[in-house]
Amino acid sequence: MSGVPEVTDADFAEEVLGAGLSVPVLVEFTADWCPPCRQMAPVLRELAAAEEGRLKVVQLNVDRNPATTNAYKVLSMPTFMVFRDGEPLRSMVGARPGRRLREELRDVL
């Protein structure tokens, strides 16, 4: 999709919930048919590169991974969820500029 690693229902527990305390994980719940999701691709790539080692950034395709999507009651795309130590800390819905996304993540980094 965007060059950001994709997680699935099968590996979500390991890749996101099992990431532990050291590094928060930002999950973008996305879909191939979602134009705002495509707009976020360069923002997420840049964020992942800039915060490497401090923040893990991944994507989950809602159409291919309904179990995780339903478990977290994701209804709109893109939805961004921040996880730390297996728990969701924050949820944000909708595309946003990179600067705003960084501000919203400041307290978890």
N, C-alpha and C. Protein backbone atom coordinates (compact mmCIF):
# COMPACT_ATOMS: atom_id res chain seq x y z
N MET A 1 0.82 -1.19 0.00
CA MET A 1 0.00 0.00 0.00
C MET A 1 0.86 1.26 0.00
N SER A 2 1.50 1.56 1.13
CA SER A 2 2.22 2.82 1.21
C SER A 2 3.70 2.66 1.51
N GLY A 3 4.18 1.44 1.63
CA GLY A 3 5.55 1.25 2.06
C GLY A 3 5.65 1.07 3.56
N VAL A 4 4.53 1.25 4.27
CA VAL A 4 4.45 1.00 5.71
C VAL A 4 4.05 -0.46 5.87
N PRO A 5 4.68 -1.21 6.78
CA PRO A 5 4.36 -2.63 6.92
C PRO A 5 2.87 -2.86 7.21
N GLU A 6 2.36 -3.95 6.67
CA GLU A 6 0.96 -4.30 6.89
C GLU A 6 0.88 -5.43 7.89
N VAL A 7 -0.06 -5.31 8.83
CA VAL A 7 -0.34 -6.38 9.78
C VAL A 7 -1.69 -6.98 9.40
N THR A 8 -1.94 -8.19 9.90
CA THR A 8 -3.16 -8.92 9.57
C THR A 8 -3.82 -9.43 10.85
N ASP A 9 -5.02 -9.99 10.69
CA ASP A 9 -5.66 -10.64 11.83
C ASP A 9 -4.73 -11.68 12.45
N ALA A 10 -4.00 -12.39 11.60
CA ALA A 10 -3.15 -13.48 12.07
C ALA A 10 -1.97 -13.02 12.90
N ASP A 11 -1.39 -11.86 12.57
CA ASP A 11 -0.19 -11.44 13.31
C ASP A 11 -0.38 -10.17 14.15
N PHE A 12 -1.62 -9.66 14.24
CA PHE A 12 -1.87 -8.44 15.00
C PHE A 12 -1.43 -8.57 16.46
N ALA A 13 -1.77 -9.68 17.09
CA ALA A 13 -1.42 -9.87 18.50
C ALA A 13 0.09 -9.81 18.70
N GLU A 14 0.83 -10.44 17.82
CA GLU A 14 2.29 -10.46 17.94
C GLU A 14 2.91 -9.11 17.60
N GLU A 15 2.51 -8.53 16.47
CA GLU A 15 3.15 -7.31 15.96
C GLU A 15 2.74 -6.04 16.70
N VAL A 16 1.50 -5.99 17.16
CA VAL A 16 0.99 -4.77 17.79
C VAL A 16 0.84 -4.95 19.30
N LEU A 17 0.05 -5.91 19.70
CA LEU A 17 -0.21 -6.08 21.13
C LEU A 17 1.02 -6.57 21.88
N GLY A 18 1.87 -7.33 21.20
CA GLY A 18 3.07 -7.86 21.83
C GLY A 18 4.28 -6.96 21.75
N ALA A 19 4.11 -5.74 21.25
CA ALA A 19 5.25 -4.84 21.08
C ALA A 19 5.82 -4.37 22.42
N GLY A 20 5.04 -4.46 23.50
CA GLY A 20 5.56 -4.12 24.82
C GLY A 20 5.51 -2.64 25.14
N LEU A 21 6.19 -2.27 26.19
CA LEU A 21 6.17 -0.90 26.69
C LEU A 21 7.13 0.03 25.98
N SER A 22 8.20 -0.52 25.44
CA SER A 22 9.28 0.33 24.95
C SER A 22 8.89 1.21 23.77
N VAL A 23 8.09 0.68 22.86
CA VAL A 23 7.77 1.44 21.65
C VAL A 23 6.26 1.41 21.42
N PRO A 24 5.60 2.57 21.37
CA PRO A 24 4.19 2.57 21.01
C PRO A 24 4.02 2.19 19.54
N VAL A 25 2.84 1.68 19.21
CA VAL A 25 2.54 1.26 17.84
C VAL A 25 1.36 2.08 17.34
N LEU A 26 1.55 2.72 16.18
CA LEU A 26 0.47 3.44 15.51
C LEU A 26 -0.06 2.54 14.41
N VAL A 27 -1.34 2.19 14.50
CA VAL A 27 -1.98 1.35 13.49
C VAL A 27 -2.94 2.22 12.68
N GLU A 28 -2.76 2.20 11.37
CA GLU A 28 -3.74 2.84 10.50
C GLU A 28 -4.67 1.75 9.99
N PHE A 29 -5.95 1.85 10.32
CA PHE A 29 -6.97 0.98 9.75
C PHE A 29 -7.35 1.62 8.42
N THR A 30 -7.11 0.90 7.34
CA THR A 30 -7.19 1.48 6.01
C THR A 30 -7.92 0.55 5.05
N ALA A 31 -8.18 1.05 3.85
CA ALA A 31 -8.81 0.25 2.80
C ALA A 31 -8.30 0.72 1.45
N ASP A 32 -8.22 -0.19 0.50
CA ASP A 32 -7.74 0.16 -0.84
C ASP A 32 -8.64 1.18 -1.52
N TRP A 33 -9.93 1.17 -1.22
CA TRP A 33 -10.90 2.03 -1.88
C TRP A 33 -11.02 3.41 -1.22
N CYS A 34 -10.21 3.69 -0.23
CA CYS A 34 -10.34 4.90 0.60
C CYS A 34 -9.37 6.00 0.15
N PRO A 35 -9.85 7.04 -0.57
CA PRO A 35 -8.95 8.12 -1.00
C PRO A 35 -8.22 8.83 0.15
N PRO A 36 -8.87 9.15 1.27
CA PRO A 36 -8.12 9.78 2.36
C PRO A 36 -7.00 8.88 2.91
N CYS A 37 -7.22 7.57 2.85
CA CYS A 37 -6.18 6.64 3.29
C CYS A 37 -4.96 6.75 2.37
N ARG A 38 -5.20 6.84 1.07
CA ARG A 38 -4.10 6.99 0.12
C ARG A 38 -3.37 8.31 0.35
N GLN A 39 -4.10 9.35 0.72
CA GLN A 39 -3.47 10.64 1.01
C GLN A 39 -2.54 10.55 2.21
N MET A 40 -2.83 9.65 3.13
CA MET A 40 -2.02 9.52 4.34
C MET A 40 -0.73 8.72 4.12
N ALA A 41 -0.63 8.02 3.00
CA ALA A 41 0.53 7.16 2.76
C ALA A 41 1.86 7.90 2.90
N PRO A 42 2.08 9.05 2.24
CA PRO A 42 3.37 9.72 2.40
C PRO A 42 3.57 10.27 3.81
N VAL A 43 2.50 10.68 4.46
CA VAL A 43 2.59 11.18 5.84
C VAL A 43 3.08 10.07 6.76
N LEU A 44 2.50 8.87 6.60
CA LEU A 44 2.89 7.75 7.45
C LEU A 44 4.31 7.28 7.16
N ARG A 45 4.69 7.27 5.89
CA ARG A 45 6.08 6.91 5.54
C ARG A 45 7.06 7.85 6.20
N GLU A 46 6.78 9.14 6.11
CA GLU A 46 7.66 10.15 6.70
C GLU A 46 7.71 10.02 8.22
N LEU A 47 6.56 9.83 8.84
CA LEU A 47 6.50 9.67 10.29
C LEU A 47 7.28 8.44 10.74
N ALA A 48 7.10 7.33 10.03
CA ALA A 48 7.80 6.09 10.39
C ALA A 48 9.31 6.28 10.30
N ALA A 49 9.77 6.97 9.27
CA ALA A 49 11.21 7.20 9.10
C ALA A 49 11.73 8.15 10.18
N ALA A 50 11.00 9.21 10.45
CA ALA A 50 11.45 10.22 11.41
C ALA A 50 11.46 9.69 12.84
N GLU A 51 10.53 8.79 13.16
CA GLU A 51 10.40 8.30 14.53
C GLU A 51 10.89 6.87 14.70
N GLU A 52 11.68 6.39 13.76
CA GLU A 52 12.19 5.01 13.83
C GLU A 52 12.89 4.79 15.17
N GLY A 53 12.52 3.70 15.83
CA GLY A 53 13.07 3.39 17.14
C GLY A 53 12.24 3.97 18.28
N ARG A 54 11.41 4.96 17.99
CA ARG A 54 10.54 5.57 19.02
C ARG A 54 9.07 5.24 18.79
N LEU A 55 8.71 4.91 17.54
CA LEU A 55 7.33 4.62 17.18
C LEU A 55 7.32 3.61 16.05
N LYS A 56 6.51 2.58 16.21
CA LYS A 56 6.31 1.59 15.16
C LYS A 56 5.02 1.98 14.43
N VAL A 57 5.07 2.05 13.10
CA VAL A 57 3.91 2.43 12.30
C VAL A 57 3.55 1.26 11.39
N VAL A 58 2.28 0.82 11.45
CA VAL A 58 1.80 -0.28 10.63
C VAL A 58 0.42 0.05 10.09
N GLN A 59 -0.01 -0.73 9.10
CA GLN A 59 -1.34 -0.60 8.52
C GLN A 59 -2.07 -1.92 8.63
N LEU A 60 -3.41 -1.83 8.72
CA LEU A 60 -4.24 -3.01 8.70
C LEU A 60 -5.38 -2.75 7.72
N ASN A 61 -5.47 -3.60 6.70
CA ASN A 61 -6.52 -3.46 5.69
C ASN A 61 -7.82 -4.01 6.27
N VAL A 62 -8.82 -3.15 6.39
CA VAL A 62 -10.07 -3.55 7.05
C VAL A 62 -10.85 -4.59 6.26
N ASP A 63 -10.74 -4.57 4.96
CA ASP A 63 -11.48 -5.53 4.14
C ASP A 63 -10.90 -6.94 4.25
N ARG A 64 -9.61 -7.04 4.39
CA ARG A 64 -8.94 -8.34 4.48
C ARG A 64 -8.80 -8.85 5.90
N ASN A 65 -9.10 -7.99 6.89
CA ASN A 65 -8.88 -8.35 8.29
C ASN A 65 -10.07 -7.93 9.16
N PRO A 66 -11.22 -8.56 8.92
CA PRO A 66 -12.43 -8.13 9.63
C PRO A 66 -12.42 -8.42 11.13
N ALA A 67 -11.72 -9.45 11.57
CA ALA A 67 -11.76 -9.79 13.00
C ALA A 67 -11.16 -8.66 13.85
N THR A 68 -10.00 -8.17 13.48
CA THR A 68 -9.37 -7.08 14.23
C THR A 68 -10.17 -5.80 14.08
N THR A 69 -10.63 -5.53 12.88
CA THR A 69 -11.44 -4.33 12.63
C THR A 69 -12.67 -4.31 13.53
N ASN A 70 -13.37 -5.42 13.61
CA ASN A 70 -14.57 -5.52 14.45
C ASN A 70 -14.23 -5.49 15.93
N ALA A 71 -13.12 -6.11 16.31
CA ALA A 71 -12.73 -6.14 17.73
C ALA A 71 -12.52 -4.73 18.28
N TYR A 72 -12.02 -3.83 17.45
CA TYR A 72 -11.76 -2.46 17.90
C TYR A 72 -12.83 -1.48 17.42
N LYS A 73 -13.94 -2.03 16.90
CA LYS A 73 -15.11 -1.25 16.49
C LYS A 73 -14.76 -0.09 15.54
N VAL A 74 -13.90 -0.40 14.58
CA VAL A 74 -13.51 0.59 13.58
C VAL A 74 -14.60 0.67 12.51
N LEU A 75 -15.14 1.87 12.32
CA LEU A 75 -16.23 2.07 11.37
C LEU A 75 -15.86 3.00 10.22
N SER A 76 -14.89 3.87 10.41
CA SER A 76 -14.51 4.86 9.40
C SER A 76 -13.03 4.71 9.07
N MET A 77 -12.71 5.01 7.81
CA MET A 77 -11.32 4.95 7.37
C MET A 77 -10.88 6.33 6.90
N PRO A 78 -9.65 6.70 7.17
CA PRO A 78 -8.73 5.98 8.04
C PRO A 78 -9.02 6.24 9.51
N THR A 79 -8.80 5.21 10.30
CA THR A 79 -8.80 5.34 11.76
C THR A 79 -7.39 5.01 12.21
N PHE A 80 -6.86 5.83 13.09
CA PHE A 80 -5.53 5.61 13.65
C PHE A 80 -5.70 5.26 15.12
N MET A 81 -5.05 4.18 15.54
CA MET A 81 -5.06 3.80 16.95
C MET A 81 -3.63 3.64 17.42
N VAL A 82 -3.36 4.17 18.60
CA VAL A 82 -2.04 4.04 19.22
C VAL A 82 -2.15 3.00 20.32
N PHE A 83 -1.24 2.02 20.28
CA PHE A 83 -1.20 0.95 21.27
C PHE A 83 0.12 1.00 22.02
N ARG A 84 0.06 0.71 23.31
CA ARG A 84 1.27 0.53 24.10
C ARG A 84 0.98 -0.57 25.11
N ASP A 85 1.90 -1.49 25.22
CA ASP A 85 1.76 -2.62 26.14
C ASP A 85 0.45 -3.37 25.94
N GLY A 86 0.05 -3.51 24.67
CA GLY A 86 -1.12 -4.30 24.33
C GLY A 86 -2.45 -3.59 24.51
N GLU A 87 -2.41 -2.33 24.91
CA GLU A 87 -3.65 -1.59 25.16
C GLU A 87 -3.77 -0.39 24.23
N PRO A 88 -4.98 -0.13 23.72
CA PRO A 88 -5.16 1.07 22.91
C PRO A 88 -5.14 2.31 23.80
N LEU A 89 -4.33 3.29 23.42
CA LEU A 89 -4.21 4.53 24.19
C LEU A 89 -5.07 5.64 23.61
N ARG A 90 -5.19 5.65 22.30
CA ARG A 90 -5.86 6.77 21.63
C ARG A 90 -6.38 6.30 20.28
N SER A 91 -7.48 6.90 19.87
CA SER A 91 -8.05 6.63 18.55
C SER A 91 -8.34 7.97 17.88
N MET A 92 -7.98 8.08 16.61
CA MET A 92 -8.19 9.30 15.84
C MET A 92 -8.79 8.89 14.50
N VAL A 93 -9.83 9.59 14.07
CA VAL A 93 -10.51 9.24 12.83
C VAL A 93 -10.32 10.34 11.80
N GLY A 94 -9.97 9.93 10.59
CA GLY A 94 -9.87 10.87 9.48
C GLY A 94 -8.45 11.24 9.12
N ALA A 95 -8.28 11.63 7.85
CA ALA A 95 -6.98 12.08 7.37
C ALA A 95 -6.62 13.39 8.05
N ARG A 96 -5.32 13.62 8.20
CA ARG A 96 -4.85 14.83 8.83
C ARG A 96 -3.45 15.15 8.34
N PRO A 97 -3.04 16.41 8.39
CA PRO A 97 -1.68 16.76 7.99
C PRO A 97 -0.67 16.13 8.94
N GLY A 98 0.53 15.91 8.45
CA GLY A 98 1.58 15.32 9.25
C GLY A 98 1.86 16.08 10.53
N ARG A 99 1.85 17.40 10.46
CA ARG A 99 2.12 18.22 11.64
C ARG A 99 1.08 17.96 12.73
N ARG A 100 -0.17 17.88 12.34
CA ARG A 100 -1.24 17.63 13.32
C ARG A 100 -1.11 16.23 13.92
N LEU A 101 -0.79 15.25 13.08
CA LEU A 101 -0.63 13.88 13.58
C LEU A 101 0.52 13.82 14.59
N ARG A 102 1.61 14.49 14.30
CA ARG A 102 2.75 14.52 15.25
C ARG A 102 2.35 15.16 16.57
N GLU A 103 1.58 16.25 16.49
CA GLU A 103 1.12 16.91 17.73
C GLU A 103 0.24 15.98 18.55
N GLU A 104 -0.61 15.22 17.87
CA GLU A 104 -1.51 14.31 18.57
C GLU A 104 -0.75 13.12 19.18
N LEU A 105 0.43 12.83 18.66
CA LEU A 105 1.23 11.71 19.16
C LEU A 105 2.29 12.15 20.16
N ARG A 106 2.44 13.44 20.35
CA ARG A 106 3.55 13.96 21.17
C ARG A 106 3.62 13.32 22.55
N ASP A 107 2.49 13.18 23.22
CA ASP A 107 2.53 12.67 24.59
C ASP A 107 2.76 11.15 24.69
N VAL A 108 2.70 10.43 23.59
CA VAL A 108 2.96 8.99 23.65
C VAL A 108 4.37 8.63 23.19
N LEU A 109 5.07 9.60 22.63
CA LEU A 109 6.44 9.33 22.17
C LEU A 109 7.46 9.57 23.28
